[in-house]
């Protein structure tokens, strides 16, 4: 009898602990999740480039409050336009922070032009939500040369800046030299004095 009582008490304690954990988990887990793309939707990149902007999502509960600790998966297409994440795979997992946001960065795009979608899913407890982020890759010359053009423009502006500084420095040095040089006798002799005589007026018959 004593042994049965011990077993019953142990089972009761275990059940109570399980129920307490379930209640705590249920209180923390939202019943409904909402997810939306906060940054990076609709971005366009040249083929073969690397993403310079990330894709950030915001996960909230049924009351609109940010959800922390939700698991968010980002998935790129298996074929066609797309690429891989910085880890080399087509799926990246992130967790939402206290502000309900999760992000991925540095995707390496492939060389297939066209539009595509990143499929995004958020999960916490039994609640789940999904959204897609539209992206596109282009092989247009202006898209390919955009980065090179920016670098060349920056280099050109730097060259012009240095040339301007050199010219300005030379001009200042010349003016300072002239101002510092004392006038000589040759300079004085080269100055022609202008003398104006006394004007005369003649009156007479013509």
N, C-alpha and C. Protein backbone atom coordinates (compact mmCIF):
# COMPACT_ATOMS: atom_id res chain seq x y z
N UNK A 1 0.83 -1.21 0.00
CA UNK A 1 0.00 0.00 0.00
C UNK A 1 0.86 1.26 0.00
N UNK A 2 1.90 1.21 0.78
CA UNK A 2 2.77 2.40 0.86
C UNK A 2 3.41 2.68 -0.50
N UNK A 3 3.82 1.59 -1.18
CA UNK A 3 4.47 1.75 -2.47
C UNK A 3 3.50 2.32 -3.49
N UNK A 4 2.23 1.87 -3.45
CA UNK A 4 1.23 2.39 -4.40
C UNK A 4 0.97 3.87 -4.14
N UNK A 5 0.94 4.25 -2.88
CA UNK A 5 0.72 5.65 -2.55
C UNK A 5 1.86 6.53 -3.06
N UNK A 6 3.07 6.01 -2.95
CA UNK A 6 4.23 6.76 -3.45
C UNK A 6 4.14 6.93 -4.96
N UNK A 7 3.74 5.86 -5.64
CA UNK A 7 3.62 5.93 -7.10
C UNK A 7 2.54 6.93 -7.51
N UNK A 8 1.41 6.88 -6.79
CA UNK A 8 0.32 7.79 -7.11
C UNK A 8 0.73 9.25 -6.88
N UNK A 9 1.43 9.47 -5.77
CA UNK A 9 1.87 10.84 -5.49
C UNK A 9 2.87 11.32 -6.55
N UNK A 10 3.76 10.43 -6.96
CA UNK A 10 4.73 10.79 -8.00
C UNK A 10 4.04 11.09 -9.32
N UNK A 11 3.05 10.27 -9.69
CA UNK A 11 2.31 10.50 -10.94
C UNK A 11 1.54 11.81 -10.88
N UNK A 12 0.98 12.10 -9.71
CA UNK A 12 0.23 13.35 -9.56
C UNK A 12 1.16 14.56 -9.72
N UNK A 13 2.34 14.45 -9.14
CA UNK A 13 3.29 15.55 -9.26
C UNK A 13 3.73 15.74 -10.71
N UNK A 14 3.98 14.63 -11.41
CA UNK A 14 4.39 14.71 -12.81
C UNK A 14 3.30 15.34 -13.66
N UNK A 15 2.04 14.92 -13.41
CA UNK A 15 0.92 15.47 -14.15
C UNK A 15 0.77 16.96 -13.88
N UNK A 16 0.95 17.35 -12.64
CA UNK A 16 0.85 18.77 -12.28
C UNK A 16 1.94 19.58 -12.97
N UNK A 17 3.15 19.02 -13.03
CA UNK A 17 4.24 19.72 -13.70
C UNK A 17 3.97 19.86 -15.19
N UNK A 18 3.43 18.80 -15.81
CA UNK A 18 3.11 18.84 -17.24
C UNK A 18 2.03 19.87 -17.51
N UNK A 19 1.01 19.89 -16.67
CA UNK A 19 -0.06 20.87 -16.85
C UNK A 19 0.44 22.30 -16.67
N UNK A 20 1.30 22.50 -15.68
CA UNK A 20 1.86 23.84 -15.47
C UNK A 20 2.69 24.29 -16.66
N UNK A 21 3.50 23.36 -17.21
CA UNK A 21 4.31 23.70 -18.38
C UNK A 21 3.43 24.00 -19.58
N UNK A 22 2.34 23.21 -19.72
CA UNK A 22 1.43 23.44 -20.85
C UNK A 22 0.75 24.79 -20.73
N UNK A 23 0.34 25.14 -19.51
CA UNK A 23 -0.31 26.43 -19.31
C UNK A 23 0.65 27.58 -19.58
N UNK A 24 1.89 27.42 -19.10
CA UNK A 24 2.88 28.46 -19.34
C UNK A 24 3.19 28.60 -20.82
N UNK A 25 3.30 27.46 -21.52
CA UNK A 25 3.57 27.49 -22.97
C UNK A 25 2.41 28.11 -23.72
N UNK A 26 1.18 27.76 -23.28
CA UNK A 26 0.01 28.31 -23.95
C UNK A 26 -0.14 29.79 -23.73
N UNK A 27 0.25 30.27 -22.55
CA UNK A 27 0.16 31.70 -22.29
C UNK A 27 1.16 32.48 -23.13
N UNK A 28 2.33 31.88 -23.41
CA UNK A 28 3.35 32.56 -24.20
C UNK A 28 3.09 32.46 -25.69
N UNK A 29 2.47 31.39 -26.14
CA UNK A 29 2.25 31.18 -27.56
C UNK A 29 0.97 31.88 -28.00
N UNK A 30 1.04 32.70 -29.08
CA UNK A 30 -0.16 33.38 -29.56
C UNK A 30 -1.08 32.40 -30.28
N UNK A 31 -2.35 32.72 -30.31
CA UNK A 31 -3.30 31.88 -31.02
C UNK A 31 -3.33 32.20 -32.51
N UNK A 32 -2.95 33.43 -32.86
CA UNK A 32 -2.94 33.85 -34.27
C UNK A 32 -1.66 34.64 -34.52
N UNK A 33 -1.03 34.37 -35.66
CA UNK A 33 0.14 35.12 -36.09
C UNK A 33 -0.19 35.90 -37.35
N UNK A 34 0.40 37.08 -37.45
CA UNK A 34 0.32 37.88 -38.67
C UNK A 34 1.73 38.25 -39.08
N UNK A 35 2.04 38.11 -40.36
CA UNK A 35 3.38 38.42 -40.84
C UNK A 35 3.28 39.30 -42.08
N UNK A 36 4.15 40.28 -42.15
CA UNK A 36 4.22 41.14 -43.33
C UNK A 36 5.67 41.52 -43.61
N UNK A 37 5.97 41.84 -44.87
CA UNK A 37 7.32 42.25 -45.26
C UNK A 37 7.48 43.73 -44.91
N UNK A 38 8.42 44.03 -44.02
CA UNK A 38 8.64 45.40 -43.57
C UNK A 38 9.66 46.14 -44.43
N UNK A 39 10.66 45.42 -44.95
CA UNK A 39 11.71 46.04 -45.76
C UNK A 39 12.18 45.07 -46.83
N UNK A 40 12.54 45.63 -48.01
CA UNK A 40 13.17 44.84 -49.05
C UNK A 40 12.25 44.24 -50.08
N UNK A 41 10.94 44.48 -49.99
CA UNK A 41 10.03 43.91 -50.97
C UNK A 41 10.12 44.70 -52.27
N UNK A 42 10.05 43.98 -53.41
CA UNK A 42 10.07 44.63 -54.71
C UNK A 42 11.44 45.07 -55.18
N UNK A 43 12.50 44.56 -54.57
CA UNK A 43 13.85 44.96 -54.97
C UNK A 43 14.24 44.34 -56.30
N UNK A 44 15.07 45.05 -57.07
CA UNK A 44 15.58 44.56 -58.36
C UNK A 44 17.10 44.60 -58.35
N UNK A 45 17.73 43.54 -58.85
CA UNK A 45 19.19 43.42 -58.85
C UNK A 45 19.68 42.97 -60.21
N UNK A 46 20.94 43.29 -60.55
CA UNK A 46 21.54 42.71 -61.75
C UNK A 46 21.80 41.22 -61.55
N UNK A 47 21.75 40.46 -62.61
CA UNK A 47 22.03 39.03 -62.51
C UNK A 47 23.46 38.82 -62.03
N UNK A 48 23.67 37.78 -61.23
CA UNK A 48 25.00 37.46 -60.74
C UNK A 48 25.51 38.35 -59.64
N UNK A 49 24.69 39.27 -59.15
CA UNK A 49 25.14 40.18 -58.10
C UNK A 49 24.78 39.63 -56.72
N UNK A 50 25.16 40.37 -55.70
CA UNK A 50 24.82 40.02 -54.33
C UNK A 50 23.84 41.05 -53.77
N UNK A 51 22.89 40.60 -52.99
CA UNK A 51 21.86 41.49 -52.43
C UNK A 51 22.50 42.53 -51.52
N UNK A 52 22.24 43.78 -51.81
CA UNK A 52 22.74 44.87 -50.98
C UNK A 52 21.70 45.31 -49.94
N UNK A 53 20.49 44.81 -50.08
CA UNK A 53 19.43 45.09 -49.11
C UNK A 53 18.90 43.76 -48.59
N UNK A 54 18.54 43.75 -47.33
CA UNK A 54 17.98 42.54 -46.76
C UNK A 54 16.47 42.50 -46.93
N UNK A 55 15.90 41.38 -46.56
CA UNK A 55 14.45 41.23 -46.50
C UNK A 55 14.08 41.08 -45.03
N UNK A 56 13.29 42.00 -44.53
CA UNK A 56 12.90 42.02 -43.12
C UNK A 56 11.40 41.83 -43.01
N UNK A 57 10.98 40.97 -42.09
CA UNK A 57 9.55 40.76 -41.85
C UNK A 57 9.21 41.14 -40.42
N UNK A 58 7.95 41.46 -40.21
CA UNK A 58 7.44 41.80 -38.89
C UNK A 58 6.33 40.81 -38.53
N UNK A 59 6.48 40.17 -37.39
CA UNK A 59 5.51 39.17 -36.93
C UNK A 59 4.78 39.73 -35.71
N UNK A 60 3.45 39.73 -35.76
CA UNK A 60 2.64 40.22 -34.65
C UNK A 60 1.58 39.19 -34.28
N UNK A 61 0.97 39.37 -33.09
CA UNK A 61 -0.08 38.46 -32.66
C UNK A 61 -1.45 39.03 -33.03
N UNK A 62 -2.50 38.41 -32.48
CA UNK A 62 -3.86 38.83 -32.83
C UNK A 62 -4.19 40.24 -32.35
N UNK A 63 -3.44 40.74 -31.39
CA UNK A 63 -3.68 42.10 -30.88
C UNK A 63 -2.79 43.14 -31.54
N UNK A 64 -1.89 42.69 -32.43
CA UNK A 64 -0.99 43.62 -33.09
C UNK A 64 0.33 43.83 -32.38
N UNK A 65 0.56 43.10 -31.29
CA UNK A 65 1.82 43.24 -30.56
C UNK A 65 2.91 42.40 -31.21
N UNK A 66 4.18 42.88 -31.21
CA UNK A 66 5.28 42.10 -31.79
C UNK A 66 5.45 40.76 -31.06
N UNK A 67 5.76 39.74 -31.82
CA UNK A 67 5.95 38.40 -31.26
C UNK A 67 7.45 38.09 -31.25
N UNK A 68 7.99 37.86 -30.08
CA UNK A 68 9.40 37.51 -29.95
C UNK A 68 9.57 35.99 -29.95
N UNK A 69 10.66 35.51 -30.56
CA UNK A 69 10.96 34.09 -30.53
C UNK A 69 10.22 33.25 -31.54
N UNK A 70 9.54 33.87 -32.50
CA UNK A 70 8.90 33.08 -33.56
C UNK A 70 9.97 32.60 -34.54
N UNK A 71 9.82 31.39 -35.05
CA UNK A 71 10.75 30.84 -36.03
C UNK A 71 10.30 31.23 -37.43
N UNK A 72 11.18 31.90 -38.16
CA UNK A 72 10.85 32.40 -39.49
C UNK A 72 11.77 31.73 -40.52
N UNK A 73 11.18 31.13 -41.54
CA UNK A 73 11.96 30.49 -42.61
C UNK A 73 11.79 31.27 -43.90
N UNK A 74 12.91 31.52 -44.58
CA UNK A 74 12.94 32.20 -45.87
C UNK A 74 13.39 31.17 -46.91
N UNK A 75 12.62 31.00 -47.98
CA UNK A 75 12.93 29.98 -48.98
C UNK A 75 12.98 30.59 -50.37
N UNK A 76 14.10 30.36 -51.07
CA UNK A 76 14.28 30.80 -52.45
C UNK A 76 13.82 29.72 -53.41
N UNK A 77 13.47 30.08 -54.67
CA UNK A 77 13.02 29.07 -55.63
C UNK A 77 14.10 28.03 -55.91
N UNK A 78 13.66 26.81 -56.19
CA UNK A 78 14.60 25.72 -56.49
C UNK A 78 15.16 25.84 -57.90
N UNK A 79 14.49 26.56 -58.79
CA UNK A 79 14.96 26.73 -60.17
C UNK A 79 14.48 28.07 -60.69
N UNK A 80 15.06 28.47 -61.84
CA UNK A 80 14.71 29.75 -62.41
C UNK A 80 15.44 30.88 -61.72
N UNK A 81 14.96 32.12 -61.89
CA UNK A 81 15.59 33.26 -61.21
C UNK A 81 15.60 33.05 -59.70
N UNK A 82 16.68 33.46 -59.07
CA UNK A 82 16.81 33.28 -57.62
C UNK A 82 18.27 33.27 -57.22
N UNK A 83 18.63 32.33 -56.38
CA UNK A 83 20.00 32.24 -55.92
C UNK A 83 20.10 31.44 -54.64
N UNK A 84 21.08 31.79 -53.80
CA UNK A 84 21.28 31.10 -52.53
C UNK A 84 21.54 32.14 -51.45
N UNK A 85 21.31 31.73 -50.20
CA UNK A 85 21.59 32.60 -49.07
C UNK A 85 23.09 32.56 -48.76
N UNK A 86 23.52 33.37 -47.81
CA UNK A 86 24.94 33.45 -47.48
C UNK A 86 25.49 32.13 -46.98
N UNK A 87 24.62 31.24 -46.49
CA UNK A 87 25.05 29.93 -46.02
C UNK A 87 25.24 28.94 -47.15
N UNK A 88 24.83 29.32 -48.37
CA UNK A 88 24.94 28.44 -49.52
C UNK A 88 23.69 27.62 -49.79
N UNK A 89 22.69 27.71 -48.93
CA UNK A 89 21.44 26.97 -49.13
C UNK A 89 20.32 27.86 -49.63
N UNK A 90 19.22 27.22 -50.00
CA UNK A 90 18.07 27.97 -50.50
C UNK A 90 17.05 28.27 -49.40
N UNK A 91 17.31 27.81 -48.19
CA UNK A 91 16.43 28.10 -47.06
C UNK A 91 17.26 28.65 -45.91
N UNK A 92 16.77 29.72 -45.32
CA UNK A 92 17.44 30.35 -44.19
C UNK A 92 16.44 30.47 -43.04
N UNK A 93 16.89 30.15 -41.82
CA UNK A 93 16.03 30.20 -40.63
C UNK A 93 16.50 31.34 -39.73
N UNK A 94 15.55 32.12 -39.24
CA UNK A 94 15.86 33.20 -38.31
C UNK A 94 14.78 33.26 -37.24
N UNK A 95 15.07 33.90 -36.12
CA UNK A 95 14.11 34.06 -35.03
C UNK A 95 13.80 35.54 -34.85
N UNK A 96 12.55 35.84 -34.55
CA UNK A 96 12.17 37.23 -34.34
C UNK A 96 12.75 37.75 -33.03
N UNK A 97 13.12 39.03 -33.05
CA UNK A 97 13.64 39.69 -31.86
C UNK A 97 12.48 40.23 -31.03
N UNK A 98 12.82 41.02 -30.02
CA UNK A 98 11.78 41.56 -29.15
C UNK A 98 10.84 42.50 -29.90
N UNK A 99 11.33 43.09 -31.01
CA UNK A 99 10.49 43.98 -31.80
C UNK A 99 9.67 43.23 -32.85
N UNK A 100 9.74 41.88 -32.82
CA UNK A 100 8.96 41.07 -33.75
C UNK A 100 9.55 40.97 -35.13
N UNK A 101 10.78 41.43 -35.34
CA UNK A 101 11.38 41.44 -36.68
C UNK A 101 12.43 40.34 -36.84
N UNK A 102 12.51 39.84 -38.06
CA UNK A 102 13.54 38.88 -38.45
C UNK A 102 13.98 39.23 -39.87
N UNK A 103 15.27 39.00 -40.19
CA UNK A 103 15.78 39.45 -41.48
C UNK A 103 16.81 38.47 -42.01
N UNK A 104 17.00 38.51 -43.35
CA UNK A 104 18.08 37.79 -44.03
C UNK A 104 18.81 38.78 -44.92
N UNK A 105 20.14 38.53 -45.10
CA UNK A 105 20.97 39.46 -45.86
C UNK A 105 21.95 38.68 -46.74
N UNK A 106 22.51 39.42 -47.71
CA UNK A 106 23.64 38.91 -48.48
C UNK A 106 23.36 37.75 -49.40
N UNK A 107 22.16 37.67 -49.97
CA UNK A 107 21.87 36.60 -50.92
C UNK A 107 22.72 36.74 -52.18
N UNK A 108 23.22 35.62 -52.68
CA UNK A 108 23.97 35.61 -53.94
C UNK A 108 23.02 35.19 -55.05
N UNK A 109 22.75 36.12 -55.98
CA UNK A 109 21.79 35.84 -57.05
C UNK A 109 22.44 35.08 -58.19
N UNK A 110 21.63 34.27 -58.88
CA UNK A 110 22.15 33.54 -60.03
C UNK A 110 22.08 34.41 -61.29
N UNK A 111 22.34 33.82 -62.44
CA UNK A 111 22.43 34.58 -63.69
C UNK A 111 21.21 34.36 -64.59
N UNK A 112 20.08 34.04 -63.99
CA UNK A 112 18.83 33.87 -64.73
C UNK A 112 17.95 35.08 -64.48
N UNK A 113 17.64 35.82 -65.55
CA UNK A 113 16.85 37.04 -65.39
C UNK A 113 15.36 36.71 -65.25
N UNK A 114 14.66 37.57 -64.51
CA UNK A 114 13.22 37.41 -64.37
C UNK A 114 12.76 37.66 -62.95
N UNK A 115 11.44 37.73 -62.74
CA UNK A 115 10.88 37.91 -61.40
C UNK A 115 10.82 36.59 -60.64
N UNK A 116 10.84 36.68 -59.31
CA UNK A 116 10.70 35.49 -58.48
C UNK A 116 10.19 35.92 -57.11
N UNK A 117 9.89 34.94 -56.27
CA UNK A 117 9.36 35.22 -54.93
C UNK A 117 10.15 34.48 -53.87
N UNK A 118 10.36 35.13 -52.74
CA UNK A 118 10.90 34.48 -51.56
C UNK A 118 9.72 34.11 -50.66
N UNK A 119 9.56 32.83 -50.39
CA UNK A 119 8.44 32.38 -49.54
C UNK A 119 8.88 32.41 -48.08
N UNK A 120 8.06 33.04 -47.27
CA UNK A 120 8.42 33.28 -45.87
C UNK A 120 7.31 32.73 -44.98
N UNK A 121 7.71 31.95 -43.96
CA UNK A 121 6.76 31.35 -43.02
C UNK A 121 7.21 31.62 -41.60
N UNK A 122 6.26 32.00 -40.75
CA UNK A 122 6.53 32.24 -39.33
C UNK A 122 5.73 31.23 -38.51
N UNK A 123 6.37 30.64 -37.48
CA UNK A 123 5.72 29.64 -36.63
C UNK A 123 6.07 29.91 -35.18
N UNK A 124 5.06 29.84 -34.31
CA UNK A 124 5.29 29.83 -32.88
C UNK A 124 4.14 29.07 -32.23
N UNK A 125 4.49 27.99 -31.54
CA UNK A 125 3.46 27.13 -30.97
C UNK A 125 2.65 26.50 -32.08
N UNK A 126 1.35 26.61 -31.98
CA UNK A 126 0.47 26.07 -33.01
C UNK A 126 0.08 27.12 -34.05
N UNK A 127 0.50 28.36 -33.84
CA UNK A 127 0.15 29.44 -34.77
C UNK A 127 1.15 29.50 -35.90
N UNK A 128 0.65 29.79 -37.09
CA UNK A 128 1.49 29.82 -38.29
C UNK A 128 0.96 30.89 -39.23
N UNK A 129 1.88 31.55 -39.95
CA UNK A 129 1.50 32.56 -40.93
C UNK A 129 2.54 32.58 -42.04
N UNK A 130 2.13 33.03 -43.22
CA UNK A 130 3.05 33.06 -44.35
C UNK A 130 2.84 34.28 -45.22
N UNK A 131 3.89 34.62 -45.98
CA UNK A 131 3.84 35.75 -46.90
C UNK A 131 4.92 35.53 -47.95
N UNK A 132 4.85 36.25 -49.06
CA UNK A 132 5.90 36.18 -50.09
C UNK A 132 6.46 37.57 -50.33
N UNK A 133 7.74 37.62 -50.69
CA UNK A 133 8.41 38.87 -51.03
C UNK A 133 8.82 38.81 -52.49
N UNK A 134 8.36 39.75 -53.29
CA UNK A 134 8.66 39.79 -54.72
C UNK A 134 10.03 40.40 -54.96
N UNK A 135 10.83 39.76 -55.80
CA UNK A 135 12.16 40.23 -56.19
C UNK A 135 12.29 40.05 -57.70
N UNK A 136 13.33 40.62 -58.29
CA UNK A 136 13.56 40.42 -59.73
C UNK A 136 15.04 40.58 -60.04
N UNK A 137 15.47 39.86 -61.09
CA UNK A 137 16.83 39.95 -61.60
C UNK A 137 16.77 40.43 -63.04
N UNK A 138 17.72 41.29 -63.42
CA UNK A 138 17.72 41.86 -64.76
C UNK A 138 19.10 41.75 -65.38
N UNK A 139 19.13 41.51 -66.71
CA UNK A 139 20.40 41.48 -67.44
C UNK A 139 20.54 42.70 -68.34
N UNK A 140 19.74 43.74 -68.08
CA UNK A 140 19.83 44.98 -68.87
C UNK A 140 21.19 45.62 -68.65
N UNK A 141 21.77 46.23 -69.72
CA UNK A 141 23.10 46.85 -69.57
C UNK A 141 23.15 47.89 -68.47
N UNK A 142 22.08 48.70 -68.35
CA UNK A 142 22.12 49.73 -67.31
C UNK A 142 22.12 49.13 -65.93
N UNK A 143 21.47 47.95 -65.77
CA UNK A 143 21.47 47.29 -64.47
C UNK A 143 22.83 46.70 -64.16
N UNK A 144 23.48 46.11 -65.20
CA UNK A 144 24.79 45.50 -64.99
C UNK A 144 25.85 46.55 -64.69
N UNK A 145 25.72 47.70 -65.36
CA UNK A 145 26.76 48.72 -65.22
C UNK A 145 26.49 49.71 -64.11
N UNK A 146 25.38 49.51 -63.38
CA UNK A 146 25.03 50.48 -62.34
C UNK A 146 26.12 50.58 -61.30
N UNK A 147 26.58 49.42 -60.82
CA UNK A 147 27.62 49.44 -59.79
C UNK A 147 28.92 50.00 -60.30
N UNK A 148 29.33 49.62 -61.56
CA UNK A 148 30.57 50.12 -62.13
C UNK A 148 30.50 51.62 -62.33
N UNK A 149 29.34 52.10 -62.80
CA UNK A 149 29.17 53.54 -63.01
C UNK A 149 29.33 54.33 -61.74
N UNK A 150 28.78 53.80 -60.64
CA UNK A 150 28.90 54.49 -59.37
C UNK A 150 30.35 54.57 -58.93
N UNK A 151 31.10 53.48 -59.12
CA UNK A 151 32.52 53.48 -58.73
C UNK A 151 33.30 54.46 -59.57
N UNK A 152 33.05 54.45 -60.92
CA UNK A 152 33.77 55.37 -61.79
C UNK A 152 33.45 56.82 -61.45
N UNK A 153 32.19 57.10 -61.18
CA UNK A 153 31.80 58.46 -60.84
C UNK A 153 32.49 58.92 -59.56
N UNK A 154 32.56 58.01 -58.59
CA UNK A 154 33.23 58.36 -57.33
C UNK A 154 34.72 58.64 -57.56
N UNK A 155 35.36 57.78 -58.39
CA UNK A 155 36.77 58.00 -58.68
C UNK A 155 36.98 59.31 -59.42
N UNK A 156 36.10 59.61 -60.40
CA UNK A 156 36.22 60.85 -61.15
C UNK A 156 36.07 62.06 -60.27
N UNK A 157 35.12 62.01 -59.34
CA UNK A 157 34.92 63.14 -58.44
C UNK A 157 36.14 63.33 -57.55
N UNK A 158 36.77 62.24 -57.14
CA UNK A 158 37.97 62.35 -56.32
C UNK A 158 39.10 63.00 -57.11
N UNK A 159 39.26 62.63 -58.40
CA UNK A 159 40.30 63.23 -59.23
C UNK A 159 40.06 64.72 -59.40
N UNK A 160 38.81 65.08 -59.69
CA UNK A 160 38.49 66.51 -59.85
C UNK A 160 38.76 67.27 -58.56
N UNK A 161 38.47 66.65 -57.44
CA UNK A 161 38.71 67.30 -56.16
C UNK A 161 40.20 67.57 -55.96
N UNK A 162 41.04 66.57 -56.28
CA UNK A 162 42.48 66.75 -56.11
C UNK A 162 43.01 67.80 -57.08
N UNK A 163 42.53 67.80 -58.33
CA UNK A 163 42.98 68.80 -59.31
C UNK A 163 42.59 70.20 -58.84
N UNK A 164 41.36 70.34 -58.34
CA UNK A 164 40.91 71.64 -57.85
C UNK A 164 41.77 72.12 -56.69
N UNK A 165 42.10 71.19 -55.79
CA UNK A 165 42.94 71.55 -54.66
C UNK A 165 44.33 72.00 -55.11
N UNK A 166 44.90 71.31 -56.12
CA UNK A 166 46.22 71.67 -56.60
C UNK A 166 46.20 73.04 -57.27
N UNK A 167 45.19 73.29 -58.11
CA UNK A 167 45.10 74.58 -58.79
C UNK A 167 44.92 75.71 -57.77
N UNK A 168 44.03 75.48 -56.79
CA UNK A 168 43.80 76.50 -55.77
C UNK A 168 45.07 76.76 -54.98
N UNK A 169 45.81 75.71 -54.67
CA UNK A 169 47.06 75.87 -53.93
C UNK A 169 48.09 76.67 -54.71
N UNK A 170 48.19 76.39 -56.02
CA UNK A 170 49.14 77.12 -56.84
C UNK A 170 48.77 78.59 -56.93
N UNK A 171 47.48 78.88 -57.07
CA UNK A 171 47.04 80.28 -57.16
C UNK A 171 47.33 81.02 -55.87
N UNK A 172 47.06 80.40 -54.75
CA UNK A 172 47.34 81.04 -53.45
C UNK A 172 48.82 81.29 -53.28
N UNK A 173 49.64 80.32 -53.69
CA UNK A 173 51.09 80.49 -53.56
C UNK A 173 51.59 81.64 -54.42
N UNK A 174 51.03 81.78 -55.65
CA UNK A 174 51.45 82.87 -56.53
C UNK A 174 51.09 84.22 -55.98
N UNK A 175 49.88 84.35 -55.46
CA UNK A 175 49.45 85.63 -54.88
C UNK A 175 50.30 85.97 -53.67
N UNK A 176 50.60 84.99 -52.85
CA UNK A 176 51.42 85.23 -51.66
C UNK A 176 52.82 85.67 -52.05
N UNK A 177 53.37 85.07 -53.14
CA UNK A 177 54.71 85.44 -53.57
C UNK A 177 54.78 86.87 -54.06
N UNK A 178 53.76 87.28 -54.83
CA UNK A 178 53.74 88.65 -55.34
C UNK A 178 53.60 89.65 -54.21
N UNK A 179 52.74 89.32 -53.23
CA UNK A 179 52.53 90.24 -52.12
C UNK A 179 53.77 90.36 -51.24
N UNK A 180 54.51 89.25 -51.12
CA UNK A 180 55.68 89.27 -50.25
C UNK A 180 56.89 89.93 -50.89
N UNK A 181 56.95 89.99 -52.25
CA UNK A 181 58.13 90.55 -52.92
C UNK A 181 58.13 92.07 -52.81
N UNK A 182 59.29 92.66 -52.42
CA UNK A 182 59.41 94.10 -52.28
C UNK A 182 59.62 94.73 -53.66
N UNK A 183 59.04 95.91 -53.88
CA UNK A 183 59.24 96.57 -55.19
C UNK A 183 60.70 96.99 -55.37
N UNK A 184 61.27 96.90 -56.57
CA UNK A 184 62.65 97.24 -56.90
C UNK A 184 62.68 98.52 -57.71
N UNK A 185 63.94 98.98 -57.97
CA UNK A 185 64.09 100.18 -58.78
C UNK A 185 63.59 99.98 -60.19
N UNK A 186 63.79 98.78 -60.70
CA UNK A 186 63.30 98.48 -62.06
C UNK A 186 61.80 98.60 -62.13
N UNK A 187 61.14 98.14 -61.03
CA UNK A 187 59.68 98.25 -61.01
C UNK A 187 59.27 99.71 -60.99
N UNK A 188 60.03 100.55 -60.23
CA UNK A 188 59.68 101.96 -60.14
C UNK A 188 59.88 102.66 -61.47
N UNK A 189 60.99 102.31 -62.21
CA UNK A 189 61.27 102.94 -63.49
C UNK A 189 60.27 102.55 -64.55
N UNK A 190 59.66 101.40 -64.36
CA UNK A 190 58.71 100.94 -65.37
C UNK A 190 57.38 101.64 -65.25
N UNK A 191 57.20 102.42 -64.16
CA UNK A 191 55.94 103.13 -63.97
C UNK A 191 56.02 104.49 -64.66
N UNK A 192 55.20 104.78 -65.60
CA UNK A 192 55.21 106.03 -66.36
C UNK A 192 54.30 107.03 -65.70
N UNK A 193 54.88 108.21 -65.38
CA UNK A 193 54.09 109.26 -64.73
C UNK A 193 53.29 109.99 -65.79
N UNK A 194 52.08 110.26 -65.53
CA UNK A 194 51.20 110.96 -66.44
C UNK A 194 51.02 112.39 -65.96
N UNK A 195 51.51 113.34 -66.78
CA UNK A 195 51.42 114.74 -66.43
C UNK A 195 50.40 115.41 -67.32
N UNK A 196 49.59 116.25 -66.73
CA UNK A 196 48.56 116.96 -67.47
C UNK A 196 48.88 118.45 -67.38
N UNK A 197 49.09 119.10 -68.54
CA UNK A 197 49.42 120.53 -68.57
C UNK A 197 48.23 121.40 -68.28
N UNK A 198 48.51 122.77 -68.19
CA UNK A 198 47.43 123.71 -67.92
C UNK A 198 46.62 123.93 -69.18
N UNK A 199 45.34 123.72 -69.13
CA UNK A 199 44.54 123.90 -70.36
C UNK A 199 44.43 125.37 -70.74
N UNK A 200 44.45 125.67 -72.06
CA UNK A 200 44.30 127.04 -72.58
C UNK A 200 43.10 127.12 -73.46
N UNK A 201 42.46 128.31 -73.44
CA UNK A 201 41.28 128.53 -74.26
C UNK A 201 41.55 129.79 -75.12
N UNK A 202 41.41 129.72 -76.42
CA UNK A 202 41.64 130.83 -77.36
C UNK A 202 40.34 131.33 -77.91
N UNK A 203 40.14 132.64 -77.91
CA UNK A 203 38.94 133.24 -78.44
C UNK A 203 39.31 134.14 -79.62
N UNK A 204 38.67 134.09 -80.67
CA UNK A 204 38.97 134.94 -81.84
C UNK A 204 37.97 134.73 -82.91
N UNK A 205 38.13 135.60 -83.97
CA UNK A 205 37.21 135.47 -85.09
C UNK A 205 37.74 134.43 -86.07
N UNK A 206 36.85 133.81 -86.67
CA UNK A 206 37.22 132.82 -87.69
C UNK A 206 36.94 133.42 -89.07
